């Protein structure tokens, strides 16, 4: 029995201590960064929450449109990481630089488009998410300020994420620390009108975020051009079109990740539309639950990011069998992290609700949705590590794109709309239905991992 167990462990688990040290180097800064970021989000929600439920709903729903851009940036980052991690593993730094040029060109163009739409159409954007006039008016104020945030935030987000592919996970942490201090201070000043400034309310939260994102942008730009010593990046590449060969590889391995994360953003917006039409109490509850959910998933995102980078580098080296074993190891880690995250939501969820000044009916809805979230987060850990880390790092982006389209838009969104808007089921049940794709993909993608079809190497330039 002992011999069989040892053989099984050797087949599916990496037992080299150096591998786990490598995970720690990437994982720990990402987890700390995520904790800080979610702490900022929680403080934002708590501060705005003191202005009333309409203000919570307005900032939450306005951010749903902004989150479409954030998800797009995450997709662009993921596309860059798939390619740059593999080329870095193959020791091709010249092509890694060209990948950086390409993803920055895309994010600059995308940010400009979103900024124009937000300036011209703030009220119509808000009407997509809600039909309550007070929420629309407040949300439009918030959106007008966010128009200035897209470009600096997009650049800093993509830079800090893609730098992880070459082993630099600390920049994002340093940026988040600076952002945390600036954002909390600016929110306090501009939301409540301190230090002689006018009390801007919900719009003050947007101003605070703008200042914080500007600081992030400056931090990232100075670091990349003056401090970073591995890549030695120069911005002159931004004015050069990518080679045909690189663009082909981006389209083959990277573009499906952009589409997949953009679809995820649209699905998140569709969820907000469904919940937004169930009433401001449900929207407020969901905003509170989302903050706790994100706090509980910081380790999940860390494991997913680490798995994508490490497996991408291993595939780039050509060590396919080692990549397979690393994949199973990360899957087992995701199960453990998912259990811990669910327990964390159960323990701290109700306490976090007490931080908000909301009506008893909203508290009751939030408690039930928090309990549902504790179950969902377990499956979220497994599917996120598989889809956004292991398989994506192996270059299986096209398969994952198809899986996202099918399970989000054939299952989760239609069934969620039926449950919430037609059958008028309990909000907690609606939340589970809207996340049914997490459960399906957790099973589906394990079977994908069992073979070797998920490994696709980037071609040499």
Protein backbone atom coordinates (compact mmCIF):
# COMPACT_ATOMS: atom_id res chain seq x y z
CA UNK A 1 0.00 0.00 0.00
CA UNK A 2 2.83 2.37 0.90
CA UNK A 3 4.61 1.68 -2.40
CA UNK A 4 1.40 2.29 -4.37
CA UNK A 5 0.76 5.53 -2.50
CA UNK A 6 4.31 6.72 -3.19
CA UNK A 7 3.95 5.88 -6.89
CA UNK A 8 0.65 7.78 -7.02
CA UNK A 9 2.20 10.83 -5.34
CA UNK A 10 5.16 10.75 -7.70
CA UNK A 11 2.81 10.64 -10.68
CA UNK A 12 0.49 13.48 -9.71
CA UNK A 13 2.31 15.69 -7.21
CA UNK A 14 5.53 17.67 -7.47
CA UNK A 15 7.57 16.93 -4.36
CA UNK A 16 10.52 19.21 -5.10
CA UNK A 17 10.84 21.94 -2.44
CA UNK A 18 12.22 24.34 -5.01
CA UNK A 19 8.92 24.19 -6.89
CA UNK A 20 6.98 25.28 -3.80
CA UNK A 21 9.48 28.05 -3.09
CA UNK A 22 8.90 29.26 -6.64
CA UNK A 23 5.15 29.25 -5.98
CA UNK A 24 5.69 31.26 -2.81
CA UNK A 25 7.75 33.91 -4.60
CA UNK A 26 4.81 34.55 -6.96
CA UNK A 27 1.89 33.68 -4.66
CA UNK A 28 2.70 35.71 -1.54
CA UNK A 29 3.02 39.14 -3.23
CA UNK A 30 -0.17 38.47 -5.24
CA UNK A 31 -2.12 37.49 -2.11
CA UNK A 32 -0.88 40.53 -0.19
CA UNK A 33 -1.68 42.75 -3.18
CA UNK A 34 -5.19 41.29 -3.42
CA UNK A 35 -5.80 41.73 0.30
CA UNK A 36 -4.84 45.40 0.05
CA UNK A 37 -6.96 45.91 -3.08
CA UNK A 38 -9.99 44.29 -1.49
CA UNK A 39 -9.41 46.28 1.68
CA UNK A 40 -9.64 49.41 -0.45
CA UNK A 41 -12.85 48.13 -2.06
CA UNK A 42 -14.33 47.34 1.35
CA UNK A 43 -13.47 50.79 2.71
CA UNK A 44 -14.93 52.38 -0.44
CA UNK A 45 -18.18 50.51 0.09
CA UNK A 46 -18.26 51.24 3.83
CA UNK A 47 -17.64 54.98 3.29
CA UNK A 48 -20.19 55.27 0.48
CA UNK A 49 -22.57 53.10 2.53
CA UNK A 50 -22.82 55.88 5.10
CA UNK A 51 -24.53 57.95 2.41
CA UNK A 52 -27.42 55.47 2.08
CA UNK A 53 -28.52 52.47 0.01
CA UNK A 54 -29.04 54.53 -3.16
CA UNK A 55 -25.38 55.61 -3.00
CA UNK A 56 -24.17 52.03 -2.50
CA UNK A 57 -26.27 50.87 -5.45
CA UNK A 58 -25.13 53.77 -7.66
CA UNK A 59 -21.41 53.24 -7.10
CA UNK A 60 -21.78 49.46 -7.37
CA UNK A 61 -23.71 49.57 -10.65
CA UNK A 62 -21.52 52.32 -12.15
CA UNK A 63 -18.51 50.15 -11.38
CA UNK A 64 -20.08 47.29 -13.30
CA UNK A 65 -19.51 49.19 -16.53
CA UNK A 66 -16.00 50.10 -15.43
CA UNK A 67 -15.44 46.43 -14.59
CA UNK A 68 -16.05 45.54 -18.24
CA UNK A 69 -12.88 47.49 -19.00
CA UNK A 70 -11.05 45.92 -16.06
CA UNK A 71 -11.98 42.42 -17.27
CA UNK A 72 -10.85 43.38 -20.76
CA UNK A 73 -7.51 44.48 -19.30
CA UNK A 74 -7.28 41.20 -17.42
CA UNK A 75 -7.87 39.39 -20.70
CA UNK A 76 -5.20 41.47 -22.41
CA UNK A 77 -2.88 40.75 -19.47
CA UNK A 78 -3.68 37.03 -19.68
CA UNK A 79 -2.95 37.00 -23.40
CA UNK A 80 0.36 38.74 -22.73
CA UNK A 81 1.21 36.38 -19.88
CA UNK A 82 0.51 33.25 -21.97
CA UNK A 83 2.97 34.40 -24.62
CA UNK A 84 5.56 36.19 -22.48
CA UNK A 85 5.83 33.37 -19.91
CA UNK A 86 6.43 30.82 -22.66
CA UNK A 87 8.95 33.02 -24.49
CA UNK A 88 10.62 33.83 -21.18
CA UNK A 89 10.87 30.09 -20.46
CA UNK A 90 12.48 29.73 -23.89
CA UNK A 91 14.87 32.58 -22.97
CA UNK A 92 13.67 34.81 -25.84
CA UNK A 93 13.67 38.25 -24.17
CA UNK A 94 13.47 40.13 -27.47
CA UNK A 95 10.06 38.62 -28.22
CA UNK A 96 8.95 39.21 -24.62
CA UNK A 97 9.57 42.94 -25.18
CA UNK A 98 7.52 42.87 -28.38
CA UNK A 99 4.69 41.17 -26.45
CA UNK A 100 4.78 44.06 -23.96
CA UNK A 101 4.59 46.55 -26.85
CA UNK A 102 1.56 44.80 -28.32
CA UNK A 103 -0.48 44.51 -25.10
CA UNK A 104 0.19 48.14 -24.19
CA UNK A 105 -0.92 49.28 -27.66
CA UNK A 106 -4.18 47.34 -27.26
CA UNK A 107 -4.93 48.64 -23.76
CA UNK A 108 -4.27 52.27 -24.75
CA UNK A 109 -6.69 52.01 -27.67
CA UNK A 110 -9.32 50.24 -25.55
CA UNK A 111 -9.04 52.77 -22.73
CA UNK A 112 -9.59 55.66 -25.13
CA UNK A 113 -12.77 54.04 -26.50
CA UNK A 114 -14.20 53.42 -23.02
CA UNK A 115 -13.37 56.98 -21.92
CA UNK A 116 -15.26 58.50 -24.85
CA UNK A 117 -18.32 56.28 -24.26
CA UNK A 118 -18.38 57.16 -20.57
CA UNK A 119 -18.16 60.91 -21.21
CA UNK A 120 -20.90 60.89 -23.84
CA UNK A 121 -23.36 58.34 -22.40
CA UNK A 122 -23.30 58.22 -18.56
CA UNK A 123 -27.10 58.17 -18.04
CA UNK A 124 -27.83 55.60 -20.79
CA UNK A 125 -25.12 53.37 -19.34
CA UNK A 126 -26.73 53.52 -15.89
CA UNK A 127 -30.17 52.76 -17.36
CA UNK A 128 -28.82 49.44 -18.60
CA UNK A 129 -28.37 48.36 -14.99
CA UNK A 130 -31.31 49.94 -13.18
CA UNK A 131 -34.53 51.90 -13.69
CA UNK A 132 -34.42 53.78 -10.35
CA UNK A 133 -33.93 57.48 -11.11
CA UNK A 134 -32.06 58.41 -7.92
CA UNK A 135 -29.55 55.62 -8.51
CA UNK A 136 -29.15 56.64 -12.18
CA UNK A 137 -28.44 60.28 -11.27
CA UNK A 138 -25.82 59.39 -8.66
CA UNK A 139 -24.23 56.74 -10.87
CA UNK A 140 -23.92 59.18 -13.79
CA UNK A 141 -21.93 61.56 -11.54
CA UNK A 142 -19.61 58.69 -10.65
CA UNK A 143 -19.14 57.66 -14.29
CA UNK A 144 -18.17 61.14 -15.47
CA UNK A 145 -15.13 61.02 -13.22
CA UNK A 146 -14.22 57.43 -14.13
CA UNK A 147 -13.78 58.52 -17.76
CA UNK A 148 -10.38 59.87 -16.68
CA UNK A 149 -9.35 56.62 -14.98
CA UNK A 150 -9.35 54.15 -17.89
CA UNK A 151 -5.97 54.95 -19.46
CA UNK A 152 -3.76 55.21 -16.33
CA UNK A 153 -5.39 52.24 -14.63
CA UNK A 154 -5.32 50.09 -17.77
CA UNK A 155 -1.61 50.66 -18.31
CA UNK A 156 -0.62 50.04 -14.67
CA UNK A 157 -2.86 46.96 -14.44
CA UNK A 158 -1.46 45.33 -17.57
CA UNK A 159 2.13 46.19 -16.71
CA UNK A 160 2.02 44.81 -13.17
CA UNK A 161 0.25 41.64 -14.33
CA UNK A 162 2.40 40.83 -17.35
CA UNK A 163 5.60 41.45 -15.37
CA UNK A 164 4.65 38.40 -13.30
CA UNK A 165 5.40 36.26 -16.36
CA UNK A 166 9.10 37.07 -16.01
CA UNK A 167 9.09 36.41 -12.27
CA UNK A 168 8.38 39.92 -10.97
CA UNK A 169 5.33 39.68 -8.73
CA UNK A 170 6.38 42.40 -6.28
CA UNK A 171 5.57 45.47 -8.41
CA UNK A 172 1.84 44.88 -8.07
CA UNK A 173 2.23 44.67 -4.29
CA UNK A 174 4.16 47.95 -4.04
CA UNK A 175 1.64 49.67 -6.32
CA UNK A 176 -1.25 48.41 -4.20
CA UNK A 177 0.32 49.70 -0.98
CA UNK A 178 0.69 53.16 -2.50
CA UNK A 179 -2.85 52.98 -3.89
CA UNK A 180 -4.28 51.90 -0.54
CA UNK A 181 -2.85 54.88 1.34
CA UNK A 182 -3.79 57.42 -1.34
CA UNK A 183 -7.28 56.03 -2.00
CA UNK A 184 -8.38 55.86 1.63
CA UNK A 185 -7.12 59.37 2.33
CA UNK A 186 -8.60 60.88 -0.84
CA UNK A 187 -11.95 59.15 -0.27
CA UNK A 188 -12.15 60.53 3.26
CA UNK A 189 -11.40 64.05 2.02
CA UNK A 190 -13.65 64.15 -1.04
CA UNK A 191 -16.62 61.99 0.04
CA UNK A 192 -17.17 63.79 3.34
CA UNK A 193 -15.63 67.21 2.54
CA UNK A 194 -12.59 67.36 4.83
CA UNK A 195 -9.55 69.65 4.83
CA UNK A 196 -11.56 72.45 3.26
CA UNK A 197 -12.68 70.41 0.27
CA UNK A 198 -16.37 70.18 -0.78
CA UNK A 199 -18.36 67.07 0.23
CA UNK A 200 -18.85 65.34 -3.14
CA UNK A 201 -20.59 62.20 -1.89
CA UNK A 202 -20.59 59.36 -4.44
CA UNK A 203 -18.61 61.47 -6.91
CA UNK A 204 -15.96 61.94 -4.20
CA UNK A 205 -15.35 58.17 -4.20
CA UNK A 206 -14.66 58.38 -7.95
CA UNK A 207 -12.28 61.31 -7.41
CA UNK A 208 -10.41 59.34 -4.75
CA UNK A 209 -10.08 56.40 -7.13
CA UNK A 210 -8.83 58.68 -9.91
CA UNK A 211 -6.06 60.09 -7.71
CA UNK A 212 -5.04 56.60 -6.59
CA UNK A 213 -4.93 55.29 -10.18
CA UNK A 214 -2.78 58.25 -11.24
CA UNK A 215 -0.30 57.37 -8.50
CA UNK A 216 -0.30 53.73 -9.64
CA UNK A 217 0.42 54.79 -13.22
CA UNK A 218 3.37 56.97 -12.21
CA UNK A 219 4.74 54.22 -9.96
CA UNK A 220 4.55 51.56 -12.70
CA UNK A 221 5.97 53.81 -15.41
CA UNK A 222 8.96 54.93 -13.35
CA UNK A 223 9.66 51.35 -12.24
CA UNK A 224 9.51 49.90 -15.75
CA UNK A 225 11.72 52.58 -17.33
CA UNK A 226 14.20 53.27 -14.51
CA UNK A 227 14.37 50.28 -12.14
CA UNK A 228 13.48 47.02 -13.94
CA UNK A 229 16.70 45.24 -15.03
CA UNK A 230 15.59 41.96 -16.68
CA UNK A 231 13.40 43.15 -19.53
CA UNK A 232 15.02 46.59 -20.01
CA UNK A 233 11.91 47.86 -21.77
CA UNK A 234 11.88 51.02 -23.92
CA UNK A 235 8.62 52.80 -24.89
CA UNK A 236 9.81 53.41 -28.47
CA UNK A 237 8.33 49.98 -29.27
CA UNK A 238 4.84 51.43 -28.77
CA UNK A 239 5.20 53.16 -32.14
CA UNK A 240 6.02 49.93 -34.01
CA UNK A 241 3.47 47.49 -35.38
CA UNK A 242 3.91 43.85 -34.29
CA UNK A 243 5.48 41.41 -36.72
CA UNK A 244 3.17 39.16 -38.67
CA UNK A 245 4.49 36.09 -36.85
CA UNK A 246 3.93 37.58 -33.38
CA UNK A 247 0.47 38.83 -34.28
CA UNK A 248 -0.38 35.32 -35.49
CA UNK A 249 0.71 33.81 -32.18
CA UNK A 250 -1.21 36.48 -30.26
CA UNK A 251 -4.30 35.69 -32.31
CA UNK A 252 -3.82 31.93 -31.85
CA UNK A 253 -2.97 31.74 -28.13
CA UNK A 254 -3.71 35.21 -26.75
CA UNK A 255 -6.87 36.49 -28.40
CA UNK A 256 -9.09 33.68 -27.03
CA UNK A 257 -8.05 34.78 -23.51
CA UNK A 258 -9.06 38.38 -24.32
CA UNK A 259 -12.41 37.19 -25.67
CA UNK A 260 -12.92 34.84 -22.73
CA UNK A 261 -12.33 37.53 -20.10
CA UNK A 262 -14.40 40.04 -22.05
CA UNK A 263 -17.25 37.53 -22.10
CA UNK A 264 -16.74 37.13 -18.36
CA UNK A 265 -17.13 40.90 -17.99
CA UNK A 266 -20.34 40.87 -20.01
CA UNK A 267 -21.61 37.97 -17.91
CA UNK A 268 -20.82 39.90 -14.72
CA UNK A 269 -22.70 42.89 -16.14
CA UNK A 270 -25.64 40.64 -17.07
CA UNK A 271 -25.67 39.37 -13.49
CA UNK A 272 -25.76 42.94 -12.22
CA UNK A 273 -28.61 43.76 -14.61
CA UNK A 274 -30.61 40.78 -13.34
CA UNK A 275 -29.96 41.58 -9.68
CA UNK A 276 -30.36 45.33 -10.32
CA UNK A 277 -33.93 44.75 -11.52
CA UNK A 278 -34.70 42.81 -8.34
CA UNK A 279 -34.50 46.01 -6.26
CA UNK A 280 -31.94 48.23 -4.56
CA UNK A 281 -31.98 46.01 -1.43
CA UNK A 282 -30.72 43.09 -3.51
CA UNK A 283 -28.12 45.28 -5.25
CA UNK A 284 -26.85 46.60 -1.91
CA UNK A 285 -26.70 43.07 -0.50
CA UNK A 286 -24.82 41.81 -3.54
CA UNK A 287 -22.32 44.70 -3.30
CA UNK A 288 -21.62 43.77 0.33
CA UNK A 289 -21.34 40.05 -0.43
CA UNK A 290 -19.04 40.76 -3.38
CA UNK A 291 -16.57 42.60 -1.14
CA UNK A 292 -16.40 39.64 1.25
CA UNK A 293 -16.22 37.18 -1.63
CA UNK A 294 -13.25 39.00 -3.09
CA UNK A 295 -11.50 39.02 0.27
CA UNK A 296 -12.00 35.27 0.51
CA UNK A 297 -10.71 34.62 -3.00
CA UNK A 298 -7.36 36.40 -2.73
CA UNK A 299 -5.51 33.11 -2.32
CA UNK A 300 -7.52 31.61 -5.19
CA UNK A 301 -6.33 34.33 -7.54
CA UNK A 302 -2.80 33.89 -6.23
CA UNK A 303 -2.79 30.15 -6.93
CA UNK A 304 -4.32 30.72 -10.39
CA UNK A 305 -1.75 33.40 -11.30
CA UNK A 306 1.17 31.34 -9.99
CA UNK A 307 0.02 28.25 -11.87
CA UNK A 308 -0.34 30.17 -15.14
CA UNK A 309 3.13 31.70 -14.89
CA UNK A 310 4.96 28.57 -13.74
CA UNK A 311 3.27 26.19 -16.17
CA UNK A 312 3.70 28.69 -19.01
CA UNK A 313 7.44 28.85 -18.32
CA UNK A 314 7.67 25.07 -18.07
CA UNK A 315 5.86 24.60 -21.39
CA UNK A 316 8.14 27.22 -22.93
CA UNK A 317 11.12 25.17 -21.80
CA UNK A 318 9.62 22.13 -23.55
CA UNK A 319 9.27 20.07 -20.31
CA UNK A 320 5.78 18.76 -21.11
CA UNK A 321 5.61 15.88 -18.61
CA UNK A 322 6.74 18.16 -15.82
CA UNK A 323 4.03 20.66 -16.82
CA UNK A 324 1.38 17.93 -16.51
CA UNK A 325 2.51 17.01 -13.00
CA UNK A 326 2.60 20.69 -12.01
CA UNK A 327 -0.97 21.00 -13.28
CA UNK A 328 -2.25 18.26 -10.98
CA UNK A 329 -0.34 19.73 -8.06
CA UNK A 330 -1.99 23.10 -8.55
CA UNK A 331 -5.40 21.43 -8.83
CA UNK A 332 -4.96 19.80 -5.42
CA UNK A 333 -3.85 23.13 -3.98
CA UNK A 334 -6.99 24.76 -5.39
CA UNK A 335 -9.21 22.26 -3.54
CA UNK A 336 -7.52 23.07 -0.22
CA UNK A 337 -7.72 26.81 -0.85
CA UNK A 338 -11.40 26.52 -1.84
CA UNK A 339 -12.29 24.81 1.41
CA UNK A 340 -10.45 27.47 3.42
CA UNK A 341 -12.13 30.28 1.46
CA UNK A 342 -15.61 28.86 2.07
CA UNK A 343 -14.97 28.60 5.80
CA UNK A 344 -13.68 32.19 5.84
CA UNK A 345 -16.88 33.49 4.22
CA UNK A 346 -19.01 31.62 6.76
CA UNK A 347 -17.00 32.90 9.73
CA UNK A 348 -16.54 36.55 8.72
CA UNK A 349 -19.46 37.14 6.38
CA UNK A 350 -22.13 38.07 8.91
CA UNK A 351 -19.67 40.21 10.84
CA UNK A 352 -18.82 42.18 7.66
CA UNK A 353 -22.53 42.90 7.09
CA UNK A 354 -22.70 44.60 10.50
CA UNK A 355 -20.25 47.25 9.24
CA UNK A 356 -22.89 48.74 6.96
CA UNK A 357 -25.77 51.04 7.85
CA UNK A 358 -28.56 49.22 6.00
CA UNK A 359 -32.18 48.30 6.68
CA UNK A 360 -33.09 45.01 8.47
CA UNK A 361 -34.66 43.59 5.29
CA UNK A 362 -31.40 44.19 3.41
CA UNK A 363 -29.43 42.56 6.22
CA UNK A 364 -31.57 39.43 5.94
CA UNK A 365 -31.02 39.22 2.19
CA UNK A 366 -27.26 39.82 2.59
CA UNK A 367 -26.90 37.04 5.20
CA UNK A 368 -28.62 34.49 2.94
CA UNK A 369 -26.53 35.54 -0.07
CA UNK A 370 -23.36 35.34 2.03
CA UNK A 371 -24.14 31.72 2.96
CA UNK A 372 -24.70 30.89 -0.70
CA UNK A 373 -21.39 32.56 -1.55
CA UNK A 374 -19.58 30.27 0.90
CA UNK A 375 -20.63 27.27 -1.20
CA UNK A 376 -19.93 28.95 -4.52
CA UNK A 377 -16.40 29.98 -3.57
CA UNK A 378 -15.26 26.34 -3.24
CA UNK A 379 -16.09 25.62 -6.88
CA UNK A 380 -14.78 29.03 -7.86
CA UNK A 381 -11.36 28.03 -6.54
CA UNK A 382 -11.20 24.88 -8.66
CA UNK A 383 -12.51 26.34 -11.91
CA UNK A 384 -10.49 29.56 -11.61
CA UNK A 385 -7.22 27.71 -11.06
CA UNK A 386 -7.95 25.41 -13.99
CA UNK A 387 -9.29 27.97 -16.45
CA UNK A 388 -7.33 31.11 -15.55
CA UNK A 389 -4.14 29.36 -14.49
CA UNK A 390 -3.24 25.77 -15.37
CA UNK A 391 -4.88 25.29 -18.77
CA UNK A 392 -4.37 28.90 -19.84
CA UNK A 393 -0.68 28.68 -18.96
CA UNK A 394 -0.51 25.59 -21.17
CA UNK A 395 -1.90 27.62 -24.07
CA UNK A 396 -5.36 25.97 -24.11
CA UNK A 397 -7.06 29.33 -24.52
CA UNK A 398 -9.37 28.45 -27.43
CA UNK A 399 -10.95 25.52 -25.58
CA UNK A 400 -11.44 27.68 -22.50
CA UNK A 401 -13.07 30.43 -24.55
CA UNK A 402 -15.63 27.96 -25.92
CA UNK A 403 -16.29 26.58 -22.42
CA UNK A 404 -16.89 30.10 -21.07
CA UNK A 405 -19.33 30.94 -23.85
CA UNK A 406 -21.31 27.73 -23.45
CA UNK A 407 -21.57 27.55 -19.68
CA UNK A 408 -22.06 31.27 -19.01
CA UNK A 409 -24.46 32.11 -21.81
CA UNK A 410 -26.32 28.82 -22.22
CA UNK A 411 -26.57 27.96 -18.52
CA UNK A 412 -25.80 30.67 -15.94
CA UNK A 413 -27.28 33.85 -17.44
CA UNK A 414 -30.52 32.42 -18.96
CA UNK A 415 -31.25 30.30 -15.88
CA UNK A 416 -30.41 33.21 -13.58
CA UNK A 417 -32.76 35.52 -15.48
CA UNK A 418 -35.50 32.89 -15.26
CA UNK A 419 -34.95 32.41 -11.52
CA UNK A 420 -34.72 36.12 -10.65
CA UNK A 421 -36.95 37.97 -13.08
CA UNK A 422 -39.61 35.40 -13.98
CA UNK A 423 -39.90 33.01 -11.03
CA UNK A 424 -38.85 35.67 -8.47
CA UNK A 425 -36.95 33.15 -6.36
CA UNK A 426 -35.02 34.03 -3.21
CA UNK A 427 -31.94 36.20 -4.05
CA UNK A 428 -29.60 33.59 -2.51
CA UNK A 429 -30.96 30.91 -4.85
CA UNK A 430 -30.67 33.30 -7.80
CA UNK A 431 -27.01 33.92 -6.90
CA UNK A 432 -26.27 30.16 -6.93
CA UNK A 433 -28.00 29.76 -10.29
CA UNK A 434 -26.03 32.68 -11.74
CA UNK A 435 -22.83 30.90 -10.69
CA UNK A 436 -23.82 27.42 -11.87
CA UNK A 437 -21.05 27.62 -14.50
CA UNK A 438 -18.47 27.45 -11.70
CA UNK A 439 -19.80 24.05 -10.66
CA UNK A 440 -20.04 22.69 -14.21
CA UNK A 441 -16.57 23.88 -15.23
CA UNK A 442 -14.99 22.50 -12.06
CA UNK A 443 -15.89 19.01 -13.28
CA UNK A 444 -15.53 19.57 -17.02
CA UNK A 445 -12.02 21.00 -16.89
CA UNK A 446 -10.64 18.23 -14.69
CA UNK A 447 -11.32 15.82 -17.55
CA UNK A 448 -9.50 18.19 -19.89
CA UNK A 449 -6.47 18.12 -17.58
CA UNK A 450 -6.33 14.32 -17.71
CA UNK A 451 -5.08 14.33 -21.31
CA UNK A 452 -2.39 16.33 -23.06
CA UNK A 453 -4.53 18.27 -25.56
CA UNK A 454 -4.37 21.33 -23.29
CA UNK A 455 -0.69 21.98 -24.01
CA UNK A 456 0.06 24.33 -26.93
CA UNK A 457 3.53 25.84 -27.28
CA UNK A 458 4.11 29.28 -28.75
CA UNK A 459 6.13 29.13 -31.96
CA UNK A 460 9.64 30.55 -31.99
CA UNK A 461 10.03 33.99 -33.56
